[in-house]
């Protein structure tokens, strides 16, 4: 997926209303009117959200007489998941290295505490 296409998909996913629309479409094809029902926004506003989702390739819109069904197109989401997965692996490796470094620091700190305690206890005798 090209960076520009990826940016378009992320921009579409940035809005909570559009994410909610996608969640509804994950259950299957539905009409624009049905998609608009749970939202406290106008039908034209829902239509604008659908245009953004369609431009990002996240939905497909059809026309059957008076019915205008919308359906989820999962390919861009799969592409986003691949992109995120690449960076997830990178961060996991970084966190693993950080974890090992912190354990080493803790081990050294504990060793130094024992040495200080032994030194302090040796003076008391």
N, C-alpha and C. Protein backbone atom coordinates (compact mmCIF):
# COMPACT_ATOMS: atom_id res chain seq x y z
N UNK A 1 0.85 -1.18 0.00
CA UNK A 1 0.00 0.00 0.00
C UNK A 1 0.89 1.23 0.00
N UNK A 2 0.61 2.17 -0.88
CA UNK A 2 1.43 3.38 -0.98
C UNK A 2 1.20 4.27 0.23
N UNK A 3 2.21 5.08 0.58
CA UNK A 3 2.06 5.97 1.74
C UNK A 3 0.85 6.90 1.61
N UNK A 4 0.59 7.41 0.40
CA UNK A 4 -0.57 8.29 0.22
C UNK A 4 -1.87 7.54 0.46
N UNK A 5 -1.95 6.33 -0.03
CA UNK A 5 -3.15 5.50 0.17
C UNK A 5 -3.31 5.18 1.66
N UNK A 6 -2.21 4.86 2.30
CA UNK A 6 -2.23 4.57 3.73
C UNK A 6 -2.70 5.79 4.52
N UNK A 7 -2.23 6.97 4.15
CA UNK A 7 -2.66 8.21 4.81
C UNK A 7 -4.15 8.44 4.64
N UNK A 8 -4.66 8.14 3.45
CA UNK A 8 -6.09 8.31 3.18
C UNK A 8 -6.91 7.37 4.07
N UNK A 9 -6.45 6.14 4.21
CA UNK A 9 -7.16 5.17 5.05
C UNK A 9 -7.11 5.60 6.51
N UNK A 10 -5.93 5.99 7.00
CA UNK A 10 -5.82 6.43 8.39
C UNK A 10 -6.70 7.67 8.63
N UNK A 11 -6.72 8.59 7.69
CA UNK A 11 -7.56 9.79 7.85
C UNK A 11 -9.03 9.40 7.94
N UNK A 12 -9.45 8.43 7.13
CA UNK A 12 -10.84 7.97 7.19
C UNK A 12 -11.14 7.30 8.53
N UNK A 13 -10.18 6.55 9.04
CA UNK A 13 -10.38 5.84 10.31
C UNK A 13 -10.27 6.75 11.52
N UNK A 14 -9.79 7.96 11.34
CA UNK A 14 -9.57 8.87 12.47
C UNK A 14 -10.87 9.34 13.10
N UNK A 15 -11.95 9.29 12.37
CA UNK A 15 -13.22 9.81 12.88
C UNK A 15 -14.04 8.69 13.55
N UNK A 16 -14.52 8.90 14.77
CA UNK A 16 -15.27 7.85 15.48
C UNK A 16 -16.58 7.48 14.79
N UNK A 17 -17.22 8.43 14.12
CA UNK A 17 -18.46 8.10 13.40
C UNK A 17 -18.17 7.15 12.26
N UNK A 18 -17.09 7.42 11.54
CA UNK A 18 -16.75 6.53 10.42
C UNK A 18 -16.35 5.15 10.92
N UNK A 19 -15.65 5.08 12.05
CA UNK A 19 -15.31 3.76 12.62
C UNK A 19 -16.58 3.02 13.03
N UNK A 20 -17.54 3.74 13.57
CA UNK A 20 -18.81 3.11 13.96
C UNK A 20 -19.57 2.61 12.72
N UNK A 21 -19.52 3.37 11.65
CA UNK A 21 -20.16 2.93 10.40
C UNK A 21 -19.50 1.65 9.90
N UNK A 22 -18.17 1.60 9.93
CA UNK A 22 -17.47 0.38 9.50
C UNK A 22 -17.85 -0.80 10.39
N UNK A 23 -17.97 -0.55 11.69
CA UNK A 23 -18.35 -1.63 12.61
C UNK A 23 -19.73 -2.17 12.25
N UNK A 24 -20.64 -1.29 11.90
CA UNK A 24 -21.99 -1.74 11.50
C UNK A 24 -21.92 -2.53 10.20
N UNK A 25 -21.09 -2.08 9.26
CA UNK A 25 -20.98 -2.77 7.98
C UNK A 25 -20.27 -4.12 8.11
N UNK A 26 -19.53 -4.31 9.18
CA UNK A 26 -18.88 -5.61 9.39
C UNK A 26 -19.92 -6.71 9.57
N UNK A 27 -21.13 -6.33 9.95
CA UNK A 27 -22.22 -7.31 10.11
C UNK A 27 -22.89 -7.63 8.79
N UNK A 28 -22.60 -6.86 7.78
CA UNK A 28 -23.18 -7.13 6.46
C UNK A 28 -23.64 -5.86 5.77
N UNK A 29 -24.03 -6.05 4.53
CA UNK A 29 -24.48 -4.95 3.68
C UNK A 29 -25.72 -4.29 4.27
N UNK A 30 -25.80 -2.98 4.18
CA UNK A 30 -26.96 -2.27 4.69
C UNK A 30 -27.15 -0.97 3.92
N UNK A 31 -28.32 -0.37 4.04
CA UNK A 31 -28.62 0.86 3.31
C UNK A 31 -28.08 2.07 4.05
N UNK A 32 -27.97 3.16 3.31
CA UNK A 32 -27.50 4.42 3.89
C UNK A 32 -28.47 4.85 5.01
N UNK A 33 -29.74 4.71 4.76
CA UNK A 33 -30.76 5.09 5.75
C UNK A 33 -30.57 4.29 7.05
N UNK A 34 -30.36 3.00 6.93
CA UNK A 34 -30.15 2.16 8.12
C UNK A 34 -28.85 2.52 8.83
N UNK A 35 -27.83 2.85 8.05
CA UNK A 35 -26.56 3.26 8.66
C UNK A 35 -26.72 4.55 9.45
N UNK A 36 -27.58 5.44 8.98
CA UNK A 36 -27.75 6.75 9.60
C UNK A 36 -28.55 6.69 10.90
N UNK A 37 -29.39 5.69 11.08
CA UNK A 37 -30.33 5.63 12.21
C UNK A 37 -29.70 5.88 13.59
N UNK A 38 -28.62 5.21 13.97
CA UNK A 38 -28.14 5.39 15.35
C UNK A 38 -27.39 6.70 15.60
N UNK A 39 -27.13 7.46 14.56
CA UNK A 39 -26.33 8.67 14.71
C UNK A 39 -27.21 9.91 14.83
N UNK A 40 -26.78 10.82 15.66
CA UNK A 40 -27.51 12.06 15.86
C UNK A 40 -26.96 13.13 14.91
N UNK A 41 -26.90 12.76 13.62
CA UNK A 41 -26.44 13.68 12.59
C UNK A 41 -27.37 13.55 11.39
N UNK A 42 -27.33 14.52 10.51
CA UNK A 42 -28.22 14.52 9.35
C UNK A 42 -27.81 13.44 8.34
N UNK A 43 -28.74 13.10 7.48
CA UNK A 43 -28.47 12.14 6.42
C UNK A 43 -27.37 12.65 5.48
N UNK A 44 -27.36 13.95 5.12
CA UNK A 44 -26.25 14.45 4.30
C UNK A 44 -24.90 14.32 5.00
N UNK A 45 -24.87 14.48 6.32
CA UNK A 45 -23.60 14.32 7.06
C UNK A 45 -23.14 12.87 6.99
N UNK A 46 -24.06 11.93 7.13
CA UNK A 46 -23.72 10.51 7.01
C UNK A 46 -23.21 10.23 5.60
N UNK A 47 -23.85 10.83 4.63
CA UNK A 47 -23.44 10.65 3.23
C UNK A 47 -22.01 11.16 3.02
N UNK A 48 -21.66 12.28 3.65
CA UNK A 48 -20.28 12.79 3.53
C UNK A 48 -19.29 11.82 4.16
N UNK A 49 -19.66 11.25 5.31
CA UNK A 49 -18.79 10.24 5.94
C UNK A 49 -18.61 9.04 5.00
N UNK A 50 -19.69 8.63 4.36
CA UNK A 50 -19.61 7.49 3.44
C UNK A 50 -18.71 7.80 2.24
N UNK A 51 -18.74 9.04 1.77
CA UNK A 51 -17.87 9.42 0.66
C UNK A 51 -16.40 9.31 1.07
N UNK A 52 -16.08 9.74 2.29
CA UNK A 52 -14.70 9.64 2.79
C UNK A 52 -14.28 8.17 2.86
N UNK A 53 -15.17 7.34 3.39
CA UNK A 53 -14.86 5.90 3.49
C UNK A 53 -14.71 5.27 2.11
N UNK A 54 -15.54 5.68 1.16
CA UNK A 54 -15.46 5.14 -0.20
C UNK A 54 -14.16 5.58 -0.88
N UNK A 55 -13.77 6.86 -0.70
CA UNK A 55 -12.51 7.35 -1.28
C UNK A 55 -11.31 6.58 -0.74
N UNK A 56 -11.41 6.16 0.52
CA UNK A 56 -10.32 5.39 1.13
C UNK A 56 -10.38 3.92 0.73
N UNK A 57 -11.42 3.53 0.00
CA UNK A 57 -11.57 2.15 -0.43
C UNK A 57 -12.09 1.23 0.67
N UNK A 58 -12.61 1.80 1.75
CA UNK A 58 -13.07 1.00 2.89
C UNK A 58 -14.49 0.49 2.72
N UNK A 59 -15.26 1.13 1.85
CA UNK A 59 -16.62 0.65 1.58
C UNK A 59 -16.88 0.70 0.09
N UNK A 60 -17.86 -0.08 -0.31
CA UNK A 60 -18.35 -0.04 -1.69
C UNK A 60 -19.82 0.34 -1.60
N UNK A 61 -20.25 1.19 -2.50
CA UNK A 61 -21.65 1.62 -2.52
C UNK A 61 -22.29 1.12 -3.80
N UNK A 62 -23.50 0.62 -3.66
CA UNK A 62 -24.21 0.10 -4.80
C UNK A 62 -25.49 0.86 -5.04
N UNK A 63 -26.21 0.42 -6.04
CA UNK A 63 -27.50 1.03 -6.33
C UNK A 63 -28.40 -0.05 -6.89
N UNK A 64 -29.47 -0.31 -6.18
CA UNK A 64 -30.49 -1.27 -6.63
C UNK A 64 -31.84 -0.58 -6.50
N UNK A 65 -32.34 -0.04 -7.60
CA UNK A 65 -33.57 0.74 -7.62
C UNK A 65 -33.45 1.89 -6.62
N UNK A 66 -34.32 1.94 -5.62
CA UNK A 66 -34.28 3.00 -4.62
C UNK A 66 -33.33 2.68 -3.47
N UNK A 67 -32.87 1.44 -3.41
CA UNK A 67 -32.02 1.00 -2.30
C UNK A 67 -30.57 1.24 -2.66
N UNK A 68 -29.82 1.88 -1.76
CA UNK A 68 -28.40 2.16 -1.98
C UNK A 68 -27.58 1.45 -0.91
N UNK A 69 -27.27 0.19 -1.18
CA UNK A 69 -26.54 -0.58 -0.16
C UNK A 69 -25.06 -0.19 -0.07
N UNK A 70 -24.53 -0.34 1.12
CA UNK A 70 -23.10 -0.13 1.37
C UNK A 70 -22.56 -1.42 1.94
N UNK A 71 -21.33 -1.74 1.58
CA UNK A 71 -20.71 -2.94 2.15
C UNK A 71 -19.24 -2.64 2.45
N UNK A 72 -18.74 -3.34 3.43
CA UNK A 72 -17.36 -3.19 3.87
C UNK A 72 -16.42 -3.78 2.83
N UNK A 73 -15.32 -3.08 2.57
CA UNK A 73 -14.24 -3.57 1.74
C UNK A 73 -13.03 -3.73 2.67
N UNK A 74 -12.63 -4.94 2.94
CA UNK A 74 -11.63 -5.20 3.98
C UNK A 74 -10.18 -5.06 3.52
N UNK A 75 -9.93 -5.02 2.24
CA UNK A 75 -8.55 -4.99 1.75
C UNK A 75 -7.72 -3.85 2.34
N UNK A 76 -8.24 -2.60 2.36
CA UNK A 76 -7.41 -1.53 2.96
C UNK A 76 -7.12 -1.78 4.44
N UNK A 77 -8.05 -2.40 5.15
CA UNK A 77 -7.82 -2.70 6.56
C UNK A 77 -6.73 -3.74 6.72
N UNK A 78 -6.71 -4.70 5.82
CA UNK A 78 -5.66 -5.73 5.85
C UNK A 78 -4.30 -5.08 5.57
N UNK A 79 -4.27 -4.13 4.64
CA UNK A 79 -3.03 -3.43 4.32
C UNK A 79 -2.55 -2.60 5.52
N UNK A 80 -3.47 -1.96 6.21
CA UNK A 80 -3.12 -1.19 7.41
C UNK A 80 -2.58 -2.14 8.48
N UNK A 81 -3.23 -3.30 8.64
CA UNK A 81 -2.79 -4.28 9.64
C UNK A 81 -1.36 -4.75 9.34
N UNK A 82 -1.04 -4.96 8.07
CA UNK A 82 0.32 -5.36 7.70
C UNK A 82 1.32 -4.27 8.06
N UNK A 83 0.96 -3.02 7.77
CA UNK A 83 1.84 -1.89 8.07
C UNK A 83 2.07 -1.79 9.58
N UNK A 84 1.00 -1.91 10.35
CA UNK A 84 1.09 -1.83 11.81
C UNK A 84 1.90 -3.01 12.34
N UNK A 85 1.72 -4.18 11.78
CA UNK A 85 2.45 -5.37 12.23
C UNK A 85 3.95 -5.20 12.11
N UNK A 86 4.40 -4.59 11.03
CA UNK A 86 5.82 -4.35 10.83
C UNK A 86 6.37 -3.53 12.00
N UNK A 87 5.68 -2.48 12.36
CA UNK A 87 6.15 -1.61 13.45
C UNK A 87 5.94 -2.24 14.81
N UNK A 88 4.92 -3.06 14.95
CA UNK A 88 4.70 -3.77 16.21
C UNK A 88 5.90 -4.65 16.53
N UNK A 89 6.39 -5.37 15.53
CA UNK A 89 7.57 -6.23 15.73
C UNK A 89 8.77 -5.39 16.13
N UNK A 90 8.93 -4.26 15.48
CA UNK A 90 10.05 -3.36 15.81
C UNK A 90 9.95 -2.92 17.27
N UNK A 91 8.78 -2.49 17.69
CA UNK A 91 8.62 -2.01 19.07
C UNK A 91 8.77 -3.14 20.07
N UNK A 92 8.27 -4.32 19.74
CA UNK A 92 8.44 -5.45 20.65
C UNK A 92 9.92 -5.75 20.86
N UNK A 93 10.70 -5.74 19.79
CA UNK A 93 12.14 -5.96 19.90
C UNK A 93 12.78 -4.88 20.77
N UNK A 94 12.37 -3.64 20.55
CA UNK A 94 12.91 -2.53 21.34
C UNK A 94 12.55 -2.69 22.81
N UNK A 95 11.30 -3.08 23.09
CA UNK A 95 10.87 -3.26 24.47
C UNK A 95 11.59 -4.45 25.12
N UNK A 96 11.84 -5.49 24.34
CA UNK A 96 12.60 -6.63 24.87
C UNK A 96 14.01 -6.20 25.27
N UNK A 97 14.65 -5.40 24.42
CA UNK A 97 16.00 -4.90 24.72
C UNK A 97 15.96 -4.00 25.96
N UNK A 98 14.96 -3.15 26.04
CA UNK A 98 14.81 -2.28 27.20
C UNK A 98 14.60 -3.10 28.47
N UNK A 99 13.76 -4.15 28.38
CA UNK A 99 13.53 -5.03 29.52
C UNK A 99 14.80 -5.70 30.00
N UNK A 100 15.60 -6.18 29.06
CA UNK A 100 16.88 -6.82 29.42
C UNK A 100 17.81 -5.80 30.07
N UNK A 101 17.85 -4.59 29.55
CA UNK A 101 18.70 -3.55 30.12
C UNK A 101 18.25 -3.21 31.54
N UNK A 102 16.94 -3.08 31.76
CA UNK A 102 16.43 -2.76 33.10
C UNK A 102 16.73 -3.88 34.10
N UNK A 103 16.62 -5.12 33.65
CA UNK A 103 16.97 -6.25 34.53
C UNK A 103 18.44 -6.19 34.93
N UNK A 104 19.29 -5.87 33.96
CA UNK A 104 20.72 -5.75 34.23
C UNK A 104 20.99 -4.62 35.24
N UNK A 105 20.31 -3.50 35.06
CA UNK A 105 20.45 -2.39 36.01
C UNK A 105 20.00 -2.81 37.42
N UNK A 106 18.88 -3.51 37.49
CA UNK A 106 18.38 -3.97 38.78
C UNK A 106 19.38 -4.93 39.44
N UNK A 107 19.95 -5.83 38.62
CA UNK A 107 20.93 -6.78 39.14
C UNK A 107 22.15 -6.04 39.70
N UNK A 108 22.64 -5.07 38.93
CA UNK A 108 23.80 -4.29 39.38
C UNK A 108 23.46 -3.50 40.64
N UNK A 109 22.29 -2.91 40.68
CA UNK A 109 21.87 -2.12 41.83
C UNK A 109 21.77 -3.01 43.08
N UNK A 110 21.21 -4.19 42.90
CA UNK A 110 21.10 -5.12 44.02
C UNK A 110 22.49 -5.53 44.52
N UNK A 111 23.39 -5.80 43.57
CA UNK A 111 24.75 -6.18 43.92
C UNK A 111 25.45 -5.04 44.68
N UNK A 112 25.25 -3.82 44.23
CA UNK A 112 25.85 -2.66 44.91
C UNK A 112 25.26 -2.49 46.30
N UNK A 113 23.97 -2.71 46.45
CA UNK A 113 23.33 -2.62 47.77
C UNK A 113 23.91 -3.64 48.73
N UNK A 114 24.12 -4.84 48.24
CA UNK A 114 24.71 -5.90 49.08
C UNK A 114 26.11 -5.51 49.50
N UNK A 115 26.90 -5.00 48.55
CA UNK A 115 28.27 -4.57 48.87
C UNK A 115 28.27 -3.44 49.89
N UNK A 116 27.37 -2.47 49.74
CA UNK A 116 27.29 -1.37 50.72
C UNK A 116 26.88 -1.89 52.09
N UNK A 117 25.94 -2.82 52.11
CA UNK A 117 25.48 -3.39 53.39
C UNK A 117 26.61 -4.15 54.06
N UNK A 118 27.34 -4.94 53.26
CA UNK A 118 28.47 -5.70 53.82
C UNK A 118 29.54 -4.75 54.35
N UNK A 119 29.80 -3.69 53.61
CA UNK A 119 30.79 -2.69 54.04
C UNK A 119 30.34 -2.02 55.34
N UNK A 120 29.07 -1.66 55.38
CA UNK A 120 28.51 -0.99 56.55
C UNK A 120 28.52 -1.92 57.75
N UNK A 121 28.13 -3.19 57.54
CA UNK A 121 28.12 -4.17 58.61
C UNK A 121 29.54 -4.47 59.10
N UNK A 122 30.52 -4.43 58.19
CA UNK A 122 31.91 -4.66 58.55
C UNK A 122 32.45 -3.56 59.45
N UNK A 123 32.00 -2.35 59.28
CA UNK A 123 32.45 -1.23 60.10
C UNK A 123 31.88 -1.34 61.52
N UNK A 124 30.70 -1.90 61.65
CA UNK A 124 30.04 -1.98 62.95
C UNK A 124 30.73 -2.97 63.87
N UNK A 125 31.44 -3.91 63.35
CA UNK A 125 32.05 -4.97 64.17
C UNK A 125 33.21 -4.51 64.94
